[in-house]
N, C-alpha and C. Protein backbone atom coordinates (compact mmCIF):
# COMPACT_ATOMS: atom_id res chain seq x y z
N MET A 1 80.37 179.32 118.37
CA MET A 1 81.28 179.95 119.02
C MET A 1 81.71 181.03 117.94
N ALA A 2 81.57 180.82 116.79
CA ALA A 2 82.21 181.87 115.80
C ALA A 2 81.31 183.12 115.93
N SER A 3 80.03 183.01 116.23
CA SER A 3 79.21 184.20 116.36
C SER A 3 79.77 184.78 117.82
N GLU A 4 79.96 184.30 118.71
CA GLU A 4 80.47 184.98 120.11
C GLU A 4 81.67 185.66 119.94
N THR A 5 82.55 184.86 119.09
CA THR A 5 84.06 185.72 118.80
C THR A 5 83.75 186.84 118.18
N ALA A 6 82.90 187.07 117.07
CA ALA A 6 82.74 188.15 116.28
C ALA A 6 82.26 189.04 117.10
N SER A 7 80.95 188.93 117.79
CA SER A 7 80.35 189.81 118.64
C SER A 7 81.18 190.35 119.66
N ASP A 8 82.10 189.44 120.24
CA ASP A 8 83.25 190.10 121.18
C ASP A 8 84.17 191.15 120.39
N THR A 9 84.37 190.71 119.16
CA THR A 9 85.47 191.40 118.61
C THR A 9 84.76 192.72 118.32
N THR A 10 83.61 192.90 117.65
CA THR A 10 82.38 194.15 117.50
C THR A 10 82.51 195.14 118.66
N ALA A 11 82.29 194.38 120.00
CA ALA A 11 82.20 195.24 121.25
C ALA A 11 83.79 195.71 121.67
N GLU A 12 84.62 195.02 121.41
CA GLU A 12 86.08 195.66 121.53
C GLU A 12 86.11 196.89 120.66
N ARG A 13 85.95 196.71 119.47
CA ARG A 13 86.24 197.70 118.44
C ARG A 13 85.46 198.93 118.87
N THR A 14 84.01 198.65 119.04
CA THR A 14 83.28 199.92 119.45
C THR A 14 83.73 200.69 120.97
N SER A 15 84.41 199.85 121.80
CA SER A 15 85.02 200.27 123.08
C SER A 15 85.98 201.24 122.82
N GLU A 16 87.00 200.74 121.64
CA GLU A 16 87.94 201.33 121.30
C GLU A 16 88.01 202.73 120.68
N ARG A 17 86.93 202.69 119.87
CA ARG A 17 86.51 203.85 119.08
C ARG A 17 85.80 205.04 120.11
N SER A 18 85.26 204.30 121.08
CA SER A 18 84.71 205.58 122.02
C SER A 18 85.53 206.05 123.01
N LYS A 19 86.73 205.21 123.16
CA LYS A 19 87.95 205.82 124.04
C LYS A 19 88.50 206.63 123.20
N ALA A 20 88.84 206.49 121.99
CA ALA A 20 89.37 207.60 121.24
C ALA A 20 88.78 208.60 120.79
N ARG A 21 87.44 208.38 120.75
CA ARG A 21 86.53 210.02 120.71
C ARG A 21 86.59 210.79 121.86
N SER A 22 86.61 209.85 123.06
CA SER A 22 86.63 210.63 124.38
C SER A 22 87.94 211.08 124.51
N ALA A 23 88.89 210.66 123.93
CA ALA A 23 90.25 211.32 124.13
C ALA A 23 90.47 212.66 123.40
N SER A 24 89.92 212.46 122.01
CA SER A 24 90.02 213.75 121.29
C SER A 24 89.13 214.81 121.76
N THR A 25 88.16 214.52 122.29
CA THR A 25 86.94 215.80 122.75
C THR A 25 87.46 216.14 124.07
N GLY A 26 88.51 215.55 124.71
CA GLY A 26 88.76 215.95 126.17
C GLY A 26 87.30 215.24 127.25
N GLU A 27 86.98 214.45 126.71
CA GLU A 27 86.10 213.76 127.79
C GLU A 27 86.68 212.53 128.52
N LYS A 28 86.28 212.65 129.62
CA LYS A 28 86.71 211.29 130.43
C LYS A 28 86.06 210.18 130.24
N SER A 29 86.23 208.69 130.58
CA SER A 29 85.56 207.82 130.29
C SER A 29 84.16 207.70 130.82
N THR A 30 84.00 208.43 132.02
CA THR A 30 82.77 208.25 132.41
C THR A 30 81.86 209.21 131.85
N GLY A 31 82.16 209.74 130.63
CA GLY A 31 81.37 210.62 129.97
C GLY A 31 81.32 212.07 130.39
N GLU A 32 82.25 212.72 131.34
CA GLU A 32 82.13 213.88 131.83
C GLU A 32 83.31 214.74 131.20
N LYS A 33 83.21 215.92 130.93
CA LYS A 33 84.18 216.66 130.16
C LYS A 33 85.20 217.01 131.20
N SER A 34 86.31 216.95 130.59
CA SER A 34 87.70 217.48 131.51
C SER A 34 87.56 218.75 131.77
N GLU A 35 88.38 219.37 132.54
CA GLU A 35 88.69 220.67 132.97
C GLU A 35 89.34 221.30 131.74
N THR A 36 89.00 222.50 131.78
CA THR A 36 89.91 223.42 130.77
C THR A 36 91.55 223.03 131.08
N ARG A 37 92.17 223.24 130.02
CA ARG A 37 93.54 223.04 130.15
C ARG A 37 94.12 224.30 130.18
N GLU A 38 95.04 224.37 131.18
CA GLU A 38 95.71 225.76 131.24
C GLU A 38 96.30 226.16 129.95
N GLY A 39 96.03 227.87 129.84
CA GLY A 39 96.32 228.18 128.59
C GLY A 39 95.30 228.26 127.53
N GLU A 40 94.36 227.05 127.68
CA GLU A 40 93.20 227.23 126.79
C GLU A 40 92.31 228.28 127.03
N ARG A 41 91.66 228.86 125.86
CA ARG A 41 90.56 229.90 125.80
C ARG A 41 89.23 229.15 125.76
N THR A 42 88.38 229.62 126.58
CA THR A 42 87.18 229.52 126.44
C THR A 42 86.29 230.66 125.86
N ARG A 43 85.36 230.37 125.07
CA ARG A 43 84.40 231.54 124.54
C ARG A 43 83.50 232.17 125.72
N PRO A 44 83.67 233.16 126.03
CA PRO A 44 82.74 233.78 126.91
C PRO A 44 81.43 233.64 126.57
N ARG A 45 80.34 233.34 127.43
CA ARG A 45 79.01 233.39 127.05
C ARG A 45 78.31 234.65 126.79
N THR A 46 77.73 234.76 125.60
CA THR A 46 77.32 236.26 125.46
C THR A 46 75.70 236.14 125.30
N LYS A 47 75.05 237.04 125.84
CA LYS A 47 73.64 237.19 125.85
C LYS A 47 73.05 237.30 124.42
N ARG A 48 72.03 236.65 123.79
CA ARG A 48 71.39 236.74 122.72
C ARG A 48 70.27 237.85 122.94
N ALA A 49 70.28 238.82 121.94
CA ALA A 49 69.30 239.93 121.93
C ALA A 49 67.87 238.91 121.59
N PRO A 50 66.75 239.50 122.39
CA PRO A 50 65.60 238.78 122.32
C PRO A 50 65.07 239.03 120.67
N ALA A 51 64.68 237.91 120.11
CA ALA A 51 64.20 237.81 118.88
C ALA A 51 63.27 239.04 118.57
N LYS A 52 63.27 239.60 117.35
CA LYS A 52 62.12 240.62 116.98
C LYS A 52 60.96 239.74 116.55
N PRO A 53 59.89 240.41 117.17
CA PRO A 53 58.59 239.68 116.67
C PRO A 53 58.23 239.47 115.03
N SER A 54 57.67 238.80 114.41
CA SER A 54 57.17 238.83 113.30
C SER A 54 56.09 239.66 112.90
N MET A 55 56.02 239.86 111.79
CA MET A 55 55.50 241.11 110.98
C MET A 55 53.64 240.81 111.33
N ARG A 56 53.47 239.37 111.33
CA ARG A 56 51.98 238.89 111.71
C ARG A 56 51.89 239.23 113.21
N VAL A 57 52.80 239.07 114.16
CA VAL A 57 52.60 239.26 115.61
C VAL A 57 52.37 240.72 115.88
N VAL A 58 53.12 241.64 115.14
CA VAL A 58 53.10 243.03 115.44
C VAL A 58 51.60 243.49 114.75
N MET A 59 51.31 242.86 113.70
CA MET A 59 49.95 243.45 113.16
C MET A 59 48.76 242.95 113.96
N SER A 60 48.59 241.67 114.55
CA SER A 60 47.85 241.51 115.23
C SER A 60 47.77 242.09 116.80
N ASN A 61 49.00 242.50 117.37
CA ASN A 61 48.86 243.20 118.63
C ASN A 61 48.50 244.52 118.29
N ALA A 62 48.85 244.82 117.19
CA ALA A 62 48.57 246.80 116.85
C ALA A 62 47.08 246.68 116.53
N VAL A 63 46.41 245.84 116.07
CA VAL A 63 44.95 245.73 115.91
C VAL A 63 44.49 245.78 117.17
N GLU A 64 44.84 244.84 118.11
CA GLU A 64 44.28 244.41 119.47
C GLU A 64 44.50 245.50 120.39
N GLU A 65 45.48 246.17 120.54
CA GLU A 65 45.71 247.42 121.38
C GLU A 65 44.81 248.62 121.06
N LEU A 66 44.83 248.80 119.69
CA LEU A 66 44.10 250.04 119.47
C LEU A 66 42.47 249.93 119.29
N CYS A 67 42.03 248.64 119.06
CA CYS A 67 40.51 248.30 119.26
C CYS A 67 40.15 248.37 120.67
N GLU A 68 41.17 248.07 121.39
CA GLU A 68 40.75 247.85 123.16
C GLU A 68 40.92 249.27 123.62
N LEU A 69 41.79 250.38 123.18
CA LEU A 69 41.73 251.47 123.75
C LEU A 69 40.60 252.36 122.81
N LEU A 70 40.02 252.33 122.04
CA LEU A 70 38.91 252.93 121.24
C LEU A 70 37.68 252.21 121.45
N ARG A 71 37.56 251.00 122.30
CA ARG A 71 36.31 250.24 122.40
C ARG A 71 35.58 250.10 120.95
N CYS A 72 36.38 249.55 119.85
CA CYS A 72 35.72 249.11 118.63
C CYS A 72 35.75 247.53 118.55
N PRO A 73 34.66 247.36 117.99
CA PRO A 73 34.75 245.97 117.74
C PRO A 73 36.00 244.95 117.17
N SER A 74 36.52 245.65 116.07
CA SER A 74 37.67 244.94 115.14
C SER A 74 37.91 246.19 114.39
N GLY A 75 39.14 245.60 113.73
CA GLY A 75 40.03 246.46 112.93
C GLY A 75 40.76 245.63 111.98
N SER A 76 41.37 246.26 110.86
CA SER A 76 41.95 245.73 109.81
C SER A 76 43.31 246.82 109.29
N VAL A 77 44.60 245.89 109.20
CA VAL A 77 45.75 246.62 109.07
C VAL A 77 45.89 247.06 107.64
N SER A 78 45.89 248.35 107.10
CA SER A 78 46.01 248.58 105.66
C SER A 78 47.44 248.85 105.32
N ALA A 79 48.27 249.09 106.24
CA ALA A 79 49.79 249.20 105.74
C ALA A 79 50.56 248.99 107.15
N ILE A 80 51.74 248.60 107.12
CA ILE A 80 52.62 248.38 107.92
C ILE A 80 54.10 248.20 107.13
N LYS A 81 54.92 249.15 108.03
CA LYS A 81 56.40 249.12 107.55
C LYS A 81 57.38 249.55 108.87
N PRO A 82 58.45 248.89 108.83
CA PRO A 82 59.52 249.25 109.85
C PRO A 82 59.77 250.76 109.71
N SER A 83 60.42 251.08 110.97
CA SER A 83 60.52 252.59 111.17
C SER A 83 61.66 252.44 112.31
N ASP A 84 62.45 253.72 112.37
CA ASP A 84 63.86 253.76 113.12
C ASP A 84 63.61 253.29 114.49
N SER A 85 62.20 253.40 115.19
CA SER A 85 62.24 253.11 116.44
C SER A 85 61.16 251.77 116.68
N GLY A 86 60.88 251.32 115.54
CA GLY A 86 60.03 249.96 115.70
C GLY A 86 59.18 249.87 114.49
N TRP A 87 57.93 250.08 114.17
CA TRP A 87 57.11 249.89 113.34
C TRP A 87 56.01 251.10 113.23
N THR A 88 55.73 251.31 112.02
CA THR A 88 54.50 252.01 111.94
C THR A 88 53.56 251.49 111.04
N ALA A 89 52.23 251.51 111.58
CA ALA A 89 51.12 250.75 110.87
C ALA A 89 49.81 252.02 110.63
N ASP A 90 49.00 251.61 109.65
CA ASP A 90 47.81 252.22 109.55
C ASP A 90 46.84 251.14 109.54
N ILE A 91 45.89 251.54 110.44
CA ILE A 91 44.59 250.44 110.90
C ILE A 91 43.24 251.25 110.72
N GLU A 92 42.65 250.64 110.08
CA GLU A 92 41.41 250.70 109.44
C GLU A 92 40.12 250.20 110.54
N VAL A 93 39.35 251.20 111.39
CA VAL A 93 38.31 250.68 112.23
C VAL A 93 37.16 251.15 112.10
N MET A 94 36.20 250.58 112.58
CA MET A 94 34.51 251.14 112.21
C MET A 94 34.23 252.06 113.54
N GLU A 95 34.08 253.27 113.30
CA GLU A 95 33.82 254.13 114.59
C GLU A 95 32.41 254.06 115.09
N LEU A 96 31.52 254.08 113.73
CA LEU A 96 30.02 254.39 114.12
C LEU A 96 29.28 253.26 113.20
N GLU A 97 28.54 252.45 113.70
CA GLU A 97 27.91 251.21 112.66
C GLU A 97 26.51 251.75 112.62
N ARG A 98 26.30 251.62 111.13
CA ARG A 98 24.93 252.30 110.68
C ARG A 98 24.24 250.88 109.98
N ILE A 99 22.92 251.35 109.53
CA ILE A 99 22.15 250.36 108.64
C ILE A 99 21.95 251.30 107.54
N PRO A 100 22.22 250.95 106.23
CA PRO A 100 22.86 249.84 105.39
C PRO A 100 24.48 250.06 105.94
N ASP A 101 25.08 249.06 106.10
CA ASP A 101 26.79 248.85 106.37
C ASP A 101 27.40 249.94 105.33
N THR A 102 27.20 250.34 104.22
CA THR A 102 27.90 251.50 103.37
C THR A 102 27.59 252.46 104.02
N SER A 103 26.68 253.09 105.12
CA SER A 103 26.89 254.50 105.55
C SER A 103 27.47 254.36 107.03
N SER A 104 28.18 253.22 107.56
CA SER A 104 28.84 252.91 108.73
C SER A 104 30.06 254.12 108.58
N VAL A 105 30.49 254.68 109.81
CA VAL A 105 31.70 255.56 109.66
C VAL A 105 32.82 255.03 109.94
N MET A 106 33.93 254.87 109.15
CA MET A 106 35.26 254.39 109.51
C MET A 106 36.31 255.23 109.58
N ALA A 107 37.32 255.07 110.29
CA ALA A 107 38.37 255.73 110.54
C ALA A 107 39.69 254.99 110.02
N SER A 108 40.68 255.87 109.83
CA SER A 108 42.11 255.22 109.47
C SER A 108 42.94 256.05 110.43
N TYR A 109 43.54 254.96 111.51
CA TYR A 109 44.43 255.55 112.30
C TYR A 109 46.05 255.21 112.09
N ARG A 110 46.86 256.06 112.10
CA ARG A 110 48.24 255.68 112.17
C ARG A 110 48.86 255.38 113.54
N VAL A 111 49.53 254.28 113.80
CA VAL A 111 49.98 253.98 115.10
C VAL A 111 51.53 253.56 115.13
N GLN A 112 52.11 253.94 116.05
CA GLN A 112 53.75 253.79 116.14
C GLN A 112 53.76 252.47 117.06
N LEU A 113 54.78 251.48 116.80
CA LEU A 113 54.86 250.64 117.78
C LEU A 113 56.42 250.52 118.14
N ASP A 114 56.57 250.22 119.06
CA ASP A 114 58.24 249.80 119.44
C ASP A 114 58.78 248.48 118.91
N GLU A 115 59.99 248.22 119.13
CA GLU A 115 60.74 246.93 118.33
C GLU A 115 59.97 245.66 118.82
N ARG A 116 59.29 245.90 120.18
CA ARG A 116 58.79 244.51 120.29
C ARG A 116 57.21 244.25 120.02
N GLY A 117 56.61 245.45 119.27
CA GLY A 117 55.40 245.51 118.70
C GLY A 117 54.40 246.01 119.61
N GLU A 118 54.64 246.72 120.80
CA GLU A 118 53.91 247.27 121.51
C GLU A 118 53.63 248.60 121.11
N LEU A 119 52.22 248.97 121.40
CA LEU A 119 51.80 250.41 120.84
C LEU A 119 52.44 251.37 121.83
N THR A 120 52.96 252.55 121.03
CA THR A 120 53.53 253.80 121.84
C THR A 120 52.93 254.88 121.40
N GLY A 121 51.97 255.10 120.53
CA GLY A 121 51.28 256.22 120.15
C GLY A 121 50.16 255.77 118.92
N TYR A 122 49.17 256.79 118.78
CA TYR A 122 48.38 256.76 117.62
C TYR A 122 47.89 258.16 117.38
N GLU A 123 47.30 257.95 115.90
CA GLU A 123 46.51 259.48 115.72
C GLU A 123 45.53 259.05 114.29
N ARG A 124 44.54 259.60 114.67
CA ARG A 124 43.51 259.40 113.66
C ARG A 124 43.99 260.44 112.18
N THR A 125 44.12 259.66 111.09
CA THR A 125 44.47 260.45 109.92
C THR A 125 43.15 260.72 108.85
N ARG A 126 42.15 259.62 108.91
CA ARG A 126 41.13 260.16 108.20
C ARG A 126 39.84 259.37 108.71
N ARG A 127 38.69 259.98 108.22
CA ARG A 127 37.10 259.53 108.62
C ARG A 127 36.64 259.50 107.44
N TYR A 128 35.96 258.59 107.34
CA TYR A 128 35.18 258.42 105.93
C TYR A 128 33.98 257.41 106.32
N GLN A 129 33.09 257.40 105.19
CA GLN A 129 31.77 256.57 104.96
C GLN A 129 32.41 255.32 104.55
N ARG A 130 31.80 254.21 105.02
CA ARG A 130 32.25 252.78 104.30
C ARG A 130 32.30 252.71 102.93
N GLY A 131 31.25 253.39 102.34
CA GLY A 131 30.95 253.23 100.87
C GLY A 131 31.69 253.98 100.22
N ALA A 132 32.30 255.08 100.73
CA ALA A 132 33.17 255.95 100.08
C ALA A 132 34.29 255.33 99.31
N VAL A 133 34.82 255.96 98.09
CA VAL A 133 35.84 255.54 97.55
C VAL A 133 36.94 256.53 97.18
N ASP A 134 38.12 256.07 97.50
CA ASP A 134 39.23 257.39 97.27
C ASP A 134 39.38 257.52 95.63
N ARG A 135 39.55 258.71 95.13
CA ARG A 135 39.76 259.21 93.73
C ARG A 135 40.92 259.51 93.41
């Protein structure tokens, strides 16, 4: 019997705490929130701006879109930086594949991307043989 009394007392305490918590948060006993009281201010809901894509996502999109436009097999990003209107990236692509690989023709393109990372423009800035080294 002592254990029954102890569990009854614990249940009563839990019920009292729940009621006290509900009263302090403005909830009804059924768990529903009470309506806003007269004179209370509610915060207006604000729309969140869409999150900027990460640099990795921007780089991936830039290479994919440029290679699709140029119909080249693949490319790599040699530089990327934020700009006033989004991003600017330099992408290296193989324009003409030759044997041996060192004689293949490569090109460097500067691309502009908007805030979402979508390609808005590009230009070829350099064309060179794969084996060539800058001095």
